[in-house]
PDB file of all heavy atoms in Angstrom:
ATOM      1  N   VAL A   1      17.052 -23.049-112.637  1.00  0.00           N
ATOM      2  CA  VAL A   1      15.864 -22.237-112.892  1.00  0.00           C
ATOM      3  C   VAL A   1      15.513 -21.483-111.610  1.00  0.00           C
ATOM      4  O   VAL A   1      15.286 -22.090-110.562  1.00  0.00           O
ATOM      5  CB  VAL A   1      14.677 -23.103-113.335  1.00  0.00           C
ATOM      6  CG1 VAL A   1      13.515 -22.208-113.767  1.00  0.00           C
ATOM      7  CG2 VAL A   1      15.075 -24.036-114.476  1.00  0.00           C
ATOM      8  N   ILE A   2      15.501 -20.161-111.710  1.00  0.00           N
ATOM      9  CA  ILE A   2      15.234 -19.314-110.552  1.00  0.00           C
ATOM     10  C   ILE A   2      13.829 -18.724-110.657  1.00  0.00           C
ATOM     11  O   ILE A   2      13.461 -18.148-111.683  1.00  0.00           O
ATOM     12  CB  ILE A   2      16.259 -18.159-110.453  1.00  0.00           C
ATOM     13  CG1 ILE A   2      17.695 -18.710-110.445  1.00  0.00           C
ATOM     14  CG2 ILE A   2      15.983 -17.315-109.204  1.00  0.00           C
ATOM     15  CD1 ILE A   2      18.059 -19.509-109.236  1.00  0.00           C
ATOM     16  N   ARG A   3      13.074 -18.863-109.600  1.00  0.00           N
ATOM     17  CA  ARG A   3      11.714 -18.319-109.549  1.00  0.00           C
ATOM     18  C   ARG A   3      11.707 -17.049-108.692  1.00  0.00           C
ATOM     19  O   ARG A   3      12.243 -17.034-107.589  1.00  0.00           O
ATOM     20  CB  ARG A   3      10.762 -19.360-108.956  1.00  0.00           C
ATOM     21  CG  ARG A   3       9.290 -19.061-109.165  1.00  0.00           C
ATOM     22  CD  ARG A   3       8.479 -20.295-108.816  1.00  0.00           C
ATOM     23  NE  ARG A   3       7.063 -20.104-109.067  1.00  0.00           N
ATOM     24  CZ  ARG A   3       6.142 -21.048-108.872  1.00  0.00           C
ATOM     25  NH1 ARG A   3       6.508 -22.244-108.423  1.00  0.00           N
ATOM     26  NH2 ARG A   3       4.867 -20.809-109.118  1.00  0.00           N
ATOM     27  N   ASP A   4      11.115 -15.992-109.218  1.00  0.00           N
ATOM     28  CA  ASP A   4      11.046 -14.698-108.532  1.00  0.00           C
ATOM     29  C   ASP A   4      12.434 -14.194-108.126  1.00  0.00           C
ATOM     30  O   ASP A   4      12.681 -13.897-106.951  1.00  0.00           O
ATOM     31  CB  ASP A   4      10.150 -14.793-107.287  1.00  0.00           C
ATOM     32  CG  ASP A   4       8.749 -15.264-107.615  1.00  0.00           C
ATOM     33  OD1 ASP A   4       8.211 -14.848-108.661  1.00  0.00           O
ATOM     34  OD2 ASP A   4       8.185 -16.049-106.836  1.00  0.00           O
ATOM     35  N   PRO A   5      13.356 -14.075-109.080  1.00  0.00           N
ATOM     36  CA  PRO A   5      14.723 -13.671-108.722  1.00  0.00           C
ATOM     37  C   PRO A   5      14.805 -12.296-108.072  1.00  0.00           C
ATOM     38  O   PRO A   5      15.733 -12.036-107.303  1.00  0.00           O
ATOM     39  CB  PRO A   5      15.455 -13.693-110.071  1.00  0.00           C
ATOM     40  CG  PRO A   5      14.393 -13.582-111.102  1.00  0.00           C
ATOM     41  CD  PRO A   5      13.199 -14.281-110.533  1.00  0.00           C
ATOM     42  N   ALA A   6      13.855 -11.417-108.363  1.00  0.00           N
ATOM     43  CA  ALA A   6      13.868 -10.075-107.782  1.00  0.00           C
ATOM     44  C   ALA A   6      12.953  -9.958-106.570  1.00  0.00           C
ATOM     45  O   ALA A   6      12.853  -8.882-105.971  1.00  0.00           O
ATOM     46  CB  ALA A   6      13.468  -9.040-108.830  1.00  0.00           C
ATOM     47  N   GLY A   7      12.299 -11.040-106.196  1.00  0.00           N
ATOM     48  CA  GLY A   7      11.358 -11.013-105.086  1.00  0.00           C
ATOM     49  C   GLY A   7      12.030 -11.177-103.740  1.00  0.00           C
ATOM     50  O   GLY A   7      13.235 -11.399-103.644  1.00  0.00           O
ATOM     51  N   PRO A   8      11.238 -11.116-102.676  1.00  0.00           N
ATOM     52  CA  PRO A   8      11.809 -11.256-101.331  1.00  0.00           C
ATOM     53  C   PRO A   8      12.244 -12.680-100.999  1.00  0.00           C
ATOM     54  O   PRO A   8      13.033 -12.877-100.078  1.00  0.00           O
ATOM     55  CB  PRO A   8      10.656 -10.815-100.416  1.00  0.00           C
ATOM     56  CG  PRO A   8       9.416 -11.079-101.231  1.00  0.00           C
ATOM     57  CD  PRO A   8       9.807 -10.818-102.654  1.00  0.00           C
ATOM     58  N   LEU A   9      11.734 -13.668-101.749  1.00  0.00           N
ATOM     59  CA  LEU A   9      12.072 -15.062-101.466  1.00  0.00           C
ATOM     60  C   LEU A   9      12.344 -15.813-102.777  1.00  0.00           C
ATOM     61  O   LEU A   9      11.542 -16.645-103.212  1.00  0.00           O
ATOM     62  CB  LEU A   9      10.935 -15.751-100.699  1.00  0.00           C
ATOM     63  CG  LEU A   9      11.246 -17.132-100.112  1.00  0.00           C
ATOM     64  CD1 LEU A   9      12.283 -17.010 -99.004  1.00  0.00           C
ATOM     65  CD2 LEU A   9       9.973 -17.790 -99.599  1.00  0.00           C
ATOM     66  N   PRO A  10      13.461 -15.530-103.447  1.00  0.00           N
ATOM     67  CA  PRO A  10      13.763 -16.255-104.686  1.00  0.00           C
ATOM     68  C   PRO A  10      13.952 -17.739-104.400  1.00  0.00           C
ATOM     69  O   PRO A  10      14.492 -18.134-103.359  1.00  0.00           O
ATOM     70  CB  PRO A  10      15.070 -15.610-105.162  1.00  0.00           C
ATOM     71  CG  PRO A  10      15.669 -15.000-103.939  1.00  0.00           C
ATOM     72  CD  PRO A  10      14.521 -14.585-103.072  1.00  0.00           C
ATOM     73  N   ARG A  11      13.491 -18.574-105.346  1.00  0.00           N
ATOM     74  CA  ARG A  11      13.552 -20.023-105.171  1.00  0.00           C
ATOM     75  C   ARG A  11      14.207 -20.670-106.386  1.00  0.00           C
ATOM     76  O   ARG A  11      14.216 -20.097-107.472  1.00  0.00           O
ATOM     77  CB  ARG A  11      12.145 -20.593-104.972  1.00  0.00           C
ATOM     78  CG  ARG A  11      11.498 -20.202-103.652  1.00  0.00           C
ATOM     79  CD  ARG A  11      10.033 -20.538-103.617  1.00  0.00           C
ATOM     80  NE  ARG A  11       9.255 -19.629-104.447  1.00  0.00           N
ATOM     81  CZ  ARG A  11       7.972 -19.830-104.790  1.00  0.00           C
ATOM     82  NH1 ARG A  11       7.359 -20.925-104.395  1.00  0.00           N
ATOM     83  NH2 ARG A  11       7.354 -18.955-105.536  1.00  0.00           N
ATOM     84  N   VAL A  12      14.731 -21.860-106.188  1.00  0.00           N
ATOM     85  CA  VAL A  12      15.414 -22.587-107.245  1.00  0.00           C
ATOM     86  C   VAL A  12      14.804 -23.972-107.374  1.00  0.00           C
ATOM     87  O   VAL A  12      14.424 -24.599-106.376  1.00  0.00           O
ATOM     88  CB  VAL A  12      16.930 -22.671-106.969  1.00  0.00           C
ATOM     89  CG1 VAL A  12      17.214 -23.392-105.653  1.00  0.00           C
ATOM     90  CG2 VAL A  12      17.671 -23.318-108.110  1.00  0.00           C
ATOM     91  N   LEU A  13      14.688 -24.461-108.607  1.00  0.00           N
ATOM     92  CA  LEU A  13      14.099 -25.774-108.864  1.00  0.00           C
ATOM     93  C   LEU A  13      15.148 -26.858-108.640  1.00  0.00           C
ATOM     94  O   LEU A  13      16.208 -26.857-109.278  1.00  0.00           O
ATOM     95  CB  LEU A  13      13.577 -25.834-110.301  1.00  0.00           C
ATOM     96  CG  LEU A  13      12.916 -27.143-110.734  1.00  0.00           C
ATOM     97  CD1 LEU A  13      11.749 -27.513-109.822  1.00  0.00           C
ATOM     98  CD2 LEU A  13      12.432 -27.044-112.188  1.00  0.00           C
ATOM     99  N   MET A  14      14.838 -27.802-107.731  1.00  0.00           N
ATOM    100  CA  MET A  14      15.758 -28.882-107.416  1.00  0.00           C
ATOM    101  C   MET A  14      14.999 -30.184-107.236  1.00  0.00           C
ATOM    102  O   MET A  14      13.783 -30.197-107.001  1.00  0.00           O
ATOM    103  CB  MET A  14      16.554 -28.577-106.137  1.00  0.00           C
ATOM    104  CG  MET A  14      17.323 -27.275-106.169  1.00  0.00           C
ATOM    105  SD  MET A  14      18.520 -27.120-104.811  1.00  0.00           S
ATOM    106  CE  MET A  14      19.858 -28.129-105.472  1.00  0.00           C
ATOM    107  N   GLY A  15      15.719 -31.290-107.376  1.00  0.00           N
ATOM    108  CA  GLY A  15      15.147 -32.608-107.140  1.00  0.00           C
ATOM    109  C   GLY A  15      16.189 -33.510-106.523  1.00  0.00           C
ATOM    110  O   GLY A  15      17.389 -33.188-106.512  1.00  0.00           O
ATOM    111  N   GLN A  16      15.746 -34.645-106.011  1.00  0.00           N
ATOM    112  CA  GLN A  16      16.652 -35.561-105.322  1.00  0.00           C
ATOM    113  C   GLN A  16      16.931 -36.789-106.178  1.00  0.00           C
ATOM    114  O   GLN A  16      16.012 -37.443-106.668  1.00  0.00           O
ATOM    115  CB  GLN A  16      16.047 -35.997-103.992  1.00  0.00           C
ATOM    116  CG  GLN A  16      16.989 -36.832-103.135  1.00  0.00           C
ATOM    117  CD  GLN A  16      16.364 -37.212-101.802  1.00  0.00           C
ATOM    118  OE1 GLN A  16      15.153 -37.379-101.711  1.00  0.00           O
ATOM    119  NE2 GLN A  16      17.183 -37.355-100.777  1.00  0.00           N
ATOM    120  N   ARG A  17      18.203 -37.111-106.341  1.00  0.00           N
ATOM    121  CA  ARG A  17      18.594 -38.304-107.061  1.00  0.00           C
ATOM    122  C   ARG A  17      18.281 -39.543-106.229  1.00  0.00           C
ATOM    123  O   ARG A  17      18.278 -39.498-105.006  1.00  0.00           O
ATOM    124  CB  ARG A  17      20.082 -38.256-107.414  1.00  0.00           C
ATOM    125  CG  ARG A  17      20.414 -37.160-108.420  1.00  0.00           C
ATOM    126  CD  ARG A  17      21.868 -37.173-108.834  1.00  0.00           C
ATOM    127  NE  ARG A  17      22.240 -38.431-109.455  1.00  0.00           N
ATOM    128  CZ  ARG A  17      21.973 -38.768-110.724  1.00  0.00           C
ATOM    129  NH1 ARG A  17      21.324 -37.924-111.506  1.00  0.00           N
ATOM    130  NH2 ARG A  17      22.367 -39.924-111.208  1.00  0.00           N
ATOM    131  N   GLY A  18      18.014 -40.658-106.932  1.00  0.00           N
ATOM    132  CA  GLY A  18      17.627 -41.882-106.247  1.00  0.00           C
ATOM    133  C   GLY A  18      18.743 -42.470-105.401  1.00  0.00           C
ATOM    134  O   GLY A  18      19.932 -42.243-105.661  1.00  0.00           O
ATOM    135  N   LEU A  19      18.361 -43.252-104.424  1.00  0.00           N
ATOM    136  CA  LEU A  19      19.328 -43.884-103.535  1.00  0.00           C
ATOM    137  C   LEU A  19      20.249 -44.837-104.285  1.00  0.00           C
ATOM    138  O   LEU A  19      21.420 -45.004-103.928  1.00  0.00           O
ATOM    139  CB  LEU A  19      18.589 -44.647-102.428  1.00  0.00           C
ATOM    140  CG  LEU A  19      19.439 -45.370-101.381  1.00  0.00           C
ATOM    141  CD1 LEU A  19      20.294 -44.378-100.614  1.00  0.00           C
ATOM    142  CD2 LEU A  19      18.543 -46.162-100.424  1.00  0.00           C
ATOM    143  N   SER A  20      19.746 -45.448-105.363  1.00  0.00           N
ATOM    144  CA  SER A  20      20.537 -46.419-106.126  1.00  0.00           C
ATOM    145  C   SER A  20      21.280 -45.798-107.300  1.00  0.00           C
ATOM    146  O   SER A  20      21.934 -46.510-108.070  1.00  0.00           O
ATOM    147  CB  SER A  20      19.635 -47.550-106.636  1.00  0.00           C
ATOM    148  OG  SER A  20      18.625 -47.036-107.495  1.00  0.00           O
ATOM    149  N   ALA A  21      21.208 -44.480-107.463  1.00  0.00           N
ATOM    150  CA  ALA A  21      21.886 -43.821-108.578  1.00  0.00           C
ATOM    151  C   ALA A  21      23.392 -44.012-108.469  1.00  0.00           C
ATOM    152  O   ALA A  21      23.967 -43.945-107.377  1.00  0.00           O
ATOM    153  CB  ALA A  21      21.548 -42.334-108.605  1.00  0.00           C
ATOM    154  N   VAL A  22      24.047 -44.263-109.606  1.00  0.00           N
ATOM    155  CA  VAL A  22      25.498 -44.445-109.617  1.00  0.00           C
ATOM    156  C   VAL A  22      26.212 -43.140-109.272  1.00  0.00           C
ATOM    157  O   VAL A  22      27.214 -43.134-108.554  1.00  0.00           O
ATOM    158  CB  VAL A  22      25.962 -44.964-110.996  1.00  0.00           C
ATOM    159  CG1 VAL A  22      27.485 -45.026-111.067  1.00  0.00           C
ATOM    160  CG2 VAL A  22      25.351 -46.328-111.283  1.00  0.00           C
ATOM    161  N   PHE A  23      25.679 -42.038-109.772  1.00  0.00           N
ATOM    162  CA  PHE A  23      26.317 -40.738-109.605  1.00  0.00           C
ATOM    163  C   PHE A  23      25.530 -39.904-108.602  1.00  0.00           C
ATOM    164  O   PHE A  23      24.349 -39.653-108.767  1.00  0.00           O
ATOM    165  CB  PHE A  23      26.403 -40.027-110.956  1.00  0.00           C
ATOM    166  CG  PHE A  23      27.180 -38.740-110.939  1.00  0.00           C
ATOM    167  CD1 PHE A  23      28.555 -38.741-110.778  1.00  0.00           C
ATOM    168  CD2 PHE A  23      26.530 -37.524-111.094  1.00  0.00           C
ATOM    169  CE1 PHE A  23      29.289 -37.558-110.773  1.00  0.00           C
ATOM    170  CE2 PHE A  23      27.243 -36.335-111.096  1.00  0.00           C
ATOM    171  CZ  PHE A  23      28.622 -36.352-110.934  1.00  0.00           C
ATOM    172  N   MET A  24      26.172 -39.516-107.519  1.00  0.00           N
ATOM    173  CA  MET A  24      25.585 -38.660-106.491  1.00  0.00           C
ATOM    174  C   MET A  24      24.250 -39.177-105.960  1.00  0.00           C
ATOM    175  O   MET A  24      23.239 -38.471-105.981  1.00  0.00           O
ATOM    176  CB  MET A  24      25.425 -37.228-107.020  1.00  0.00           C
ATOM    177  CG  MET A  24      26.715 -36.524-107.332  1.00  0.00           C
ATOM    178  SD  MET A  24      26.495 -34.797-107.814  1.00  0.00           S
ATOM    179  CE  MET A  24      28.203 -34.297-108.057  1.00  0.00           C
ATOM    180  N   PRO A  25      24.188 -40.408-105.461  1.00  0.00           N
ATOM    181  CA  PRO A  25      22.931 -40.939-104.928  1.00  0.00           C
ATOM    182  C   PRO A  25      22.413 -40.114-103.756  1.00  0.00           C
ATOM    183  O   PRO A  25      23.182 -39.639-102.923  1.00  0.00           O
ATOM    184  CB  PRO A  25      23.323 -42.351-104.481  1.00  0.00           C
ATOM    185  CG  PRO A  25      24.789 -42.297-104.256  1.00  0.00           C
ATOM    186  CD  PRO A  25      25.317 -41.334-105.277  1.00  0.00           C
ATOM    187  N   SER A  26      21.102 -39.918-103.755  1.00  0.00           N
ATOM    188  CA  SER A  26      20.373 -39.239-102.675  1.00  0.00           C
ATOM    189  C   SER A  26      20.625 -37.731-102.587  1.00  0.00           C
ATOM    190  O   SER A  26      20.030 -37.060-101.742  1.00  0.00           O
ATOM    191  CB  SER A  26      20.687 -39.874-101.312  1.00  0.00           C
ATOM    192  OG  SER A  26      20.352 -41.233-101.301  1.00  0.00           O
ATOM    193  N   LYS A  27      21.492 -37.194-103.424  1.00  0.00           N
ATOM    194  CA  LYS A  27      21.793 -35.769-103.354  1.00  0.00           C
ATOM    195  C   LYS A  27      20.707 -34.947-104.050  1.00  0.00           C
ATOM    196  O   LYS A  27      20.085 -35.385-105.020  1.00  0.00           O
ATOM    197  CB  LYS A  27      23.139 -35.477-104.018  1.00  0.00           C
ATOM    198  CG  LYS A  27      24.337 -36.142-103.356  1.00  0.00           C
ATOM    199  CD  LYS A  27      24.678 -35.512-102.027  1.00  0.00           C
ATOM    200  CE  LYS A  27      25.979 -36.057-101.482  1.00  0.00           C
ATOM    201  NZ  LYS A  27      26.334 -35.450-100.175  1.00  0.00           N
ATOM    202  N   TYR A  28      20.502 -33.738-103.545  1.00  0.00           N
ATOM    203  CA  TYR A  28      19.627 -32.783-104.221  1.00  0.00           C
ATOM    204  C   TYR A  28      20.453 -32.024-105.254  1.00  0.00           C
ATOM    205  O   TYR A  28      21.550 -31.527-104.941  1.00  0.00           O
ATOM    206  CB  TYR A  28      19.008 -31.809-103.226  1.00  0.00           C
ATOM    207  CG  TYR A  28      17.793 -32.373-102.536  1.00  0.00           C
ATOM    208  CD1 TYR A  28      17.915 -33.107-101.370  1.00  0.00           C
ATOM    209  CD2 TYR A  28      16.518 -32.178-103.059  1.00  0.00           C
ATOM    210  CE1 TYR A  28      16.799 -33.644-100.735  1.00  0.00           C
ATOM    211  CE2 TYR A  28      15.391 -32.706-102.439  1.00  0.00           C
ATOM    212  CZ  TYR A  28      15.547 -33.433-101.277  1.00  0.00           C
ATOM    213  OH  TYR A  28      14.444 -33.963-100.659  1.00  0.00           O
ATOM    214  N   VAL A  29      19.918 -31.933-106.461  1.00  0.00           N
ATOM    215  CA  VAL A  29      20.666 -31.343-107.566  1.00  0.00           C
ATOM    216  C   VAL A  29      19.741 -30.508-108.446  1.00  0.00           C
ATOM    217  O   VAL A  29      18.520 -30.568-108.336  1.00  0.00           O
ATOM    218  CB  VAL A  29      21.330 -32.442-108.440  1.00  0.00           C
ATOM    219  CG1 VAL A  29      22.375 -33.210-107.635  1.00  0.00           C
ATOM    220  CG2 VAL A  29      20.283 -33.401-109.000  1.00  0.00           C
ATOM    221  N   PHE A  30      20.361 -29.756-109.349  1.00  0.00           N
ATOM    222  CA  PHE A  30      19.627 -29.084-110.412  1.00  0.00           C
ATOM    223  C   PHE A  30      19.389 -30.093-111.536  1.00  0.00           C
ATOM    224  O   PHE A  30      20.143 -31.060-111.677  1.00  0.00           O
ATOM    225  CB  PHE A  30      20.433 -27.920-110.974  1.00  0.00           C
ATOM    226  CG  PHE A  30      20.999 -26.985-109.951  1.00  0.00           C
ATOM    227  CD1 PHE A  30      22.373 -26.758-109.879  1.00  0.00           C
ATOM    228  CD2 PHE A  30      20.177 -26.319-109.059  1.00  0.00           C
ATOM    229  CE1 PHE A  30      22.919 -25.890-108.952  1.00  0.00           C
ATOM    230  CE2 PHE A  30      20.715 -25.439-108.118  1.00  0.00           C
ATOM    231  CZ  PHE A  30      22.085 -25.226-108.064  1.00  0.00           C
ATOM    232  N   PRO A  31      18.385 -29.875-112.378  1.00  0.00           N
ATOM    233  CA  PRO A  31      18.242 -30.737-113.565  1.00  0.00           C
ATOM    234  C   PRO A  31      19.483 -30.641-114.443  1.00  0.00           C
ATOM    235  O   PRO A  31      20.081 -29.568-114.589  1.00  0.00           O
ATOM    236  CB  PRO A  31      17.016 -30.146-114.275  1.00  0.00           C
ATOM    237  CG  PRO A  31      16.279 -29.397-113.214  1.00  0.00           C
ATOM    238  CD  PRO A  31      17.325 -28.868-112.269  1.00  0.00           C
ATOM    239  N   GLY A  32      19.886 -31.758-115.030  1.00  0.00           N
ATOM    240  CA  GLY A  32      21.049 -31.741-115.906  1.00  0.00           C
ATOM    241  C   GLY A  32      21.552 -33.136-116.194  1.00  0.00           C
ATOM    242  O   GLY A  32      21.102 -34.115-115.586  1.00  0.00           O
ATOM    243  N   GLY A  33      22.474 -33.233-117.144  1.00  0.00           N
ATOM    244  CA  GLY A  33      23.030 -34.529-117.501  1.00  0.00           C
ATOM    245  C   GLY A  33      23.979 -34.415-118.676  1.00  0.00           C
ATOM    246  O   GLY A  33      24.272 -33.313-119.177  1.00  0.00           O
ATOM    247  N   ALA A  34      24.456 -35.557-119.121  1.00  0.00           N
ATOM    248  CA  ALA A  34      25.447 -35.610-120.193  1.00  0.00           C
ATOM    249  C   ALA A  34      24.852 -35.187-121.535  1.00  0.00           C
ATOM    250  O   ALA A  34      23.655 -35.376-121.799  1.00  0.00           O
ATOM    251  CB  ALA A  34      26.022 -37.017-120.311  1.00  0.00           C
ATOM    252  N   VAL A  35      25.703 -34.622-122.370  1.00  0.00           N
ATOM    253  CA  VAL A  35      25.313 -34.289-123.742  1.00  0.00           C
ATOM    254  C   VAL A  35      25.194 -35.577-124.541  1.00  0.00           C
ATOM    255  O   VAL A  35      26.085 -36.429-124.504  1.00  0.00           O
ATOM    256  CB  VAL A  35      26.359 -33.362-124.391  1.00  0.00           C
ATOM    257  CG1 VAL A  35      26.045 -33.118-125.865  1.00  0.00           C
ATOM    258  CG2 VAL A  35      26.443 -32.040-123.633  1.00  0.00           C
ATOM    259  N   ASP A  36      24.081 -35.744-125.241  1.00  0.00           N
ATOM    260  CA  ASP A  36      23.872 -36.895-126.118  1.00  0.00           C
ATOM    261  C   ASP A  36      24.337 -36.549-127.533  1.00  0.00           C
ATOM    262  O   ASP A  36      24.292 -35.374-127.928  1.00  0.00           O
ATOM    263  CB  ASP A  36      22.392 -37.277-126.158  1.00  0.00           C
ATOM    264  CG  ASP A  36      21.926 -37.929-124.871  1.00  0.00           C
ATOM    265  OD1 ASP A  36      22.783 -38.344-124.068  1.00  0.00           O
ATOM    266  OD2 ASP A  36      20.695 -38.026-124.672  1.00  0.00           O
ATOM    267  N   PRO A  37      24.743 -37.560-128.319  1.00  0.00           N
ATOM    268  CA  PRO A  37      25.150 -37.277-129.707  1.00  0.00           C
ATOM    269  C   PRO A  37      24.088 -36.524-130.494  1.00  0.00           C
ATOM    270  O   PRO A  37      24.401 -35.633-131.292  1.00  0.00           O
ATOM    271  CB  PRO A  37      25.405 -38.669-130.284  1.00  0.00           C
ATOM    272  CG  PRO A  37      25.790 -39.492-129.102  1.00  0.00           C
ATOM    273  CD  PRO A  37      24.960 -38.972-127.959  1.00  0.00           C
ATOM    274  N   GLY A  38      22.822 -36.853-130.263  1.00  0.00           N
ATOM    275  CA  GLY A  38      21.752 -36.209-131.013  1.00  0.00           C
ATOM    276  C   GLY A  38      21.543 -34.751-130.678  1.00  0.00           C
ATOM    277  O   GLY A  38      20.877 -34.025-131.444  1.00  0.00           O
ATOM    278  N   ASP A  39      22.083 -34.295-129.558  1.00  0.00           N
ATOM    279  CA  ASP A  39      21.890 -32.895-129.173  1.00  0.00           C
ATOM    280  C   ASP A  39      22.535 -31.928-130.166  1.00  0.00           C
ATOM    281  O   ASP A  39      22.127 -30.774-130.260  1.00  0.00           O
ATOM    282  CB  ASP A  39      22.463 -32.654-127.774  1.00  0.00           C
ATOM    283  CG  ASP A  39      21.667 -33.362-126.684  1.00  0.00           C
ATOM    284  OD1 ASP A  39      20.453 -33.540-126.857  1.00  0.00           O
ATOM    285  OD2 ASP A  39      22.271 -33.748-125.666  1.00  0.00           O
ATOM    286  N   HIS A  40      23.532 -32.411-130.906  1.00  0.00           N
ATOM    287  CA  HIS A  40      24.207 -31.542-131.882  1.00  0.00           C
ATOM    288  C   HIS A  40      23.290 -31.197-133.061  1.00  0.00           C
ATOM    289  O   HIS A  40      23.527 -30.190-133.742  1.00  0.00           O
ATOM    290  CB  HIS A  40      25.467 -32.226-132.403  1.00  0.00           C
ATOM    291  CG  HIS A  40      26.520 -32.418-131.353  1.00  0.00           C
ATOM    292  ND1 HIS A  40      27.548 -31.524-131.147  1.00  0.00           N
ATOM    293  CD2 HIS A  40      26.692 -33.406-130.436  1.00  0.00           C
ATOM    294  CE1 HIS A  40      28.303 -31.948-130.155  1.00  0.00           C
ATOM    295  NE2 HIS A  40      27.816 -33.091-129.706  1.00  0.00           N
ATOM    296  N   ASP A  41      22.271 -32.024-133.293  1.00  0.00           N
ATOM    297  CA  ASP A  41      21.435 -31.852-134.490  1.00  0.00           C
ATOM    298  C   ASP A  41      20.046 -31.298-134.189  1.00  0.00           C
ATOM    299  O   ASP A  41      19.210 -31.207-135.085  1.00  0.00           O
ATOM    300  CB  ASP A  41      21.286 -33.206-135.201  1.00  0.00           C
ATOM    301  CG  ASP A  41      22.629 -33.789-135.610  1.00  0.00           C
ATOM    302  OD1 ASP A  41      23.483 -33.019-136.077  1.00  0.00           O
ATOM    303  OD2 ASP A  41      22.813 -35.015-135.450  1.00  0.00           O
ATOM    304  N   ILE A  42      19.794 -30.944-132.939  1.00  0.00           N
ATOM    305  CA  ILE A  42      18.470 -30.447-132.566  1.00  0.00           C
ATOM    306  C   ILE A  42      18.261 -29.038-133.114  1.00  0.00           C
ATOM    307  O   ILE A  42      19.124 -28.161-132.970  1.00  0.00           O
ATOM    308  CB  ILE A  42      18.317 -30.450-131.030  1.00  0.00           C
ATOM    309  CG1 ILE A  42      18.374 -31.875-130.485  1.00  0.00           C
ATOM    310  CG2 ILE A  42      17.026 -29.765-130.605  1.00  0.00           C
ATOM    311  CD1 ILE A  42      17.323 -32.802-131.055  1.00  0.00           C
ATOM    312  N   ALA A  43      17.100 -28.832-133.709  1.00  0.00           N
ATOM    313  CA  ALA A  43      16.755 -27.516-134.231  1.00  0.00           C
ATOM    314  C   ALA A  43      16.272 -26.625-133.084  1.00  0.00           C
ATOM    315  O   ALA A  43      15.321 -26.973-132.385  1.00  0.00           O
ATOM    316  CB  ALA A  43      15.667 -27.642-135.292  1.00  0.00           C
ATOM    317  N   LEU A  44      16.950 -25.516-132.876  1.00  0.00           N
ATOM    318  CA  LEU A  44      16.564 -24.579-131.832  1.00  0.00           C
ATOM    319  C   LEU A  44      15.735 -23.448-132.423  1.00  0.00           C
ATOM    320  O   LEU A  44      16.040 -22.945-133.505  1.00  0.00           O
ATOM    321  CB  LEU A  44      17.802 -23.989-131.163  1.00  0.00           C
ATOM    322  CG  LEU A  44      18.738 -24.976-130.435  1.00  0.00           C
ATOM    323  CD1 LEU A  44      19.991 -24.244-129.967  1.00  0.00           C
ATOM    324  CD2 LEU A  44      18.022 -25.635-129.279  1.00  0.00           C
ATOM    325  N   ALA A  45      14.690 -23.043-131.705  1.00  0.00           N
ATOM    326  CA  ALA A  45      13.879 -21.918-132.168  1.00  0.00           C
ATOM    327  C   ALA A  45      14.728 -20.646-132.217  1.00  0.00           C
ATOM    328  O   ALA A  45      14.617 -19.844-133.139  1.00  0.00           O
ATOM    329  CB  ALA A  45      12.686 -21.726-131.241  1.00  0.00           C
ATOM    330  N   ARG A  46      15.578 -20.496-131.202  1.00  0.00           N
ATOM    331  CA  ARG A  46      16.513 -19.369-131.155  1.00  0.00           C
ATOM    332  C   ARG A  46      17.808 -19.859-130.510  1.00  0.00           C
ATOM    333  O   ARG A  46      17.776 -20.701-129.616  1.00  0.00           O
ATOM    334  CB  ARG A  46      15.931 -18.202-130.351  1.00  0.00           C
ATOM    335  CG  ARG A  46      14.691 -17.574-130.962  1.00  0.00           C
ATOM    336  CD  ARG A  46      14.276 -16.322-130.216  1.00  0.00           C
ATOM    337  NE  ARG A  46      13.889 -16.617-128.844  1.00  0.00           N
ATOM    338  CZ  ARG A  46      13.555 -15.676-127.944  1.00  0.00           C
ATOM    339  NH1 ARG A  46      13.589 -14.394-128.277  1.00  0.00           N
ATOM    340  NH2 ARG A  46      13.203 -16.022-126.718  1.00  0.00           N
TER     341      ARG A  46
END
């Protein structure tokens, strides 16, 4: 997610994974994760 992409200081939304996380502990990442089985059946507005 990019904030003010055309501005003088565009920013990106990031967070830090926990120290005890199995995958990429302590790293700063974008939001995201594995596809769940139920994601195939979600009704999208568009």
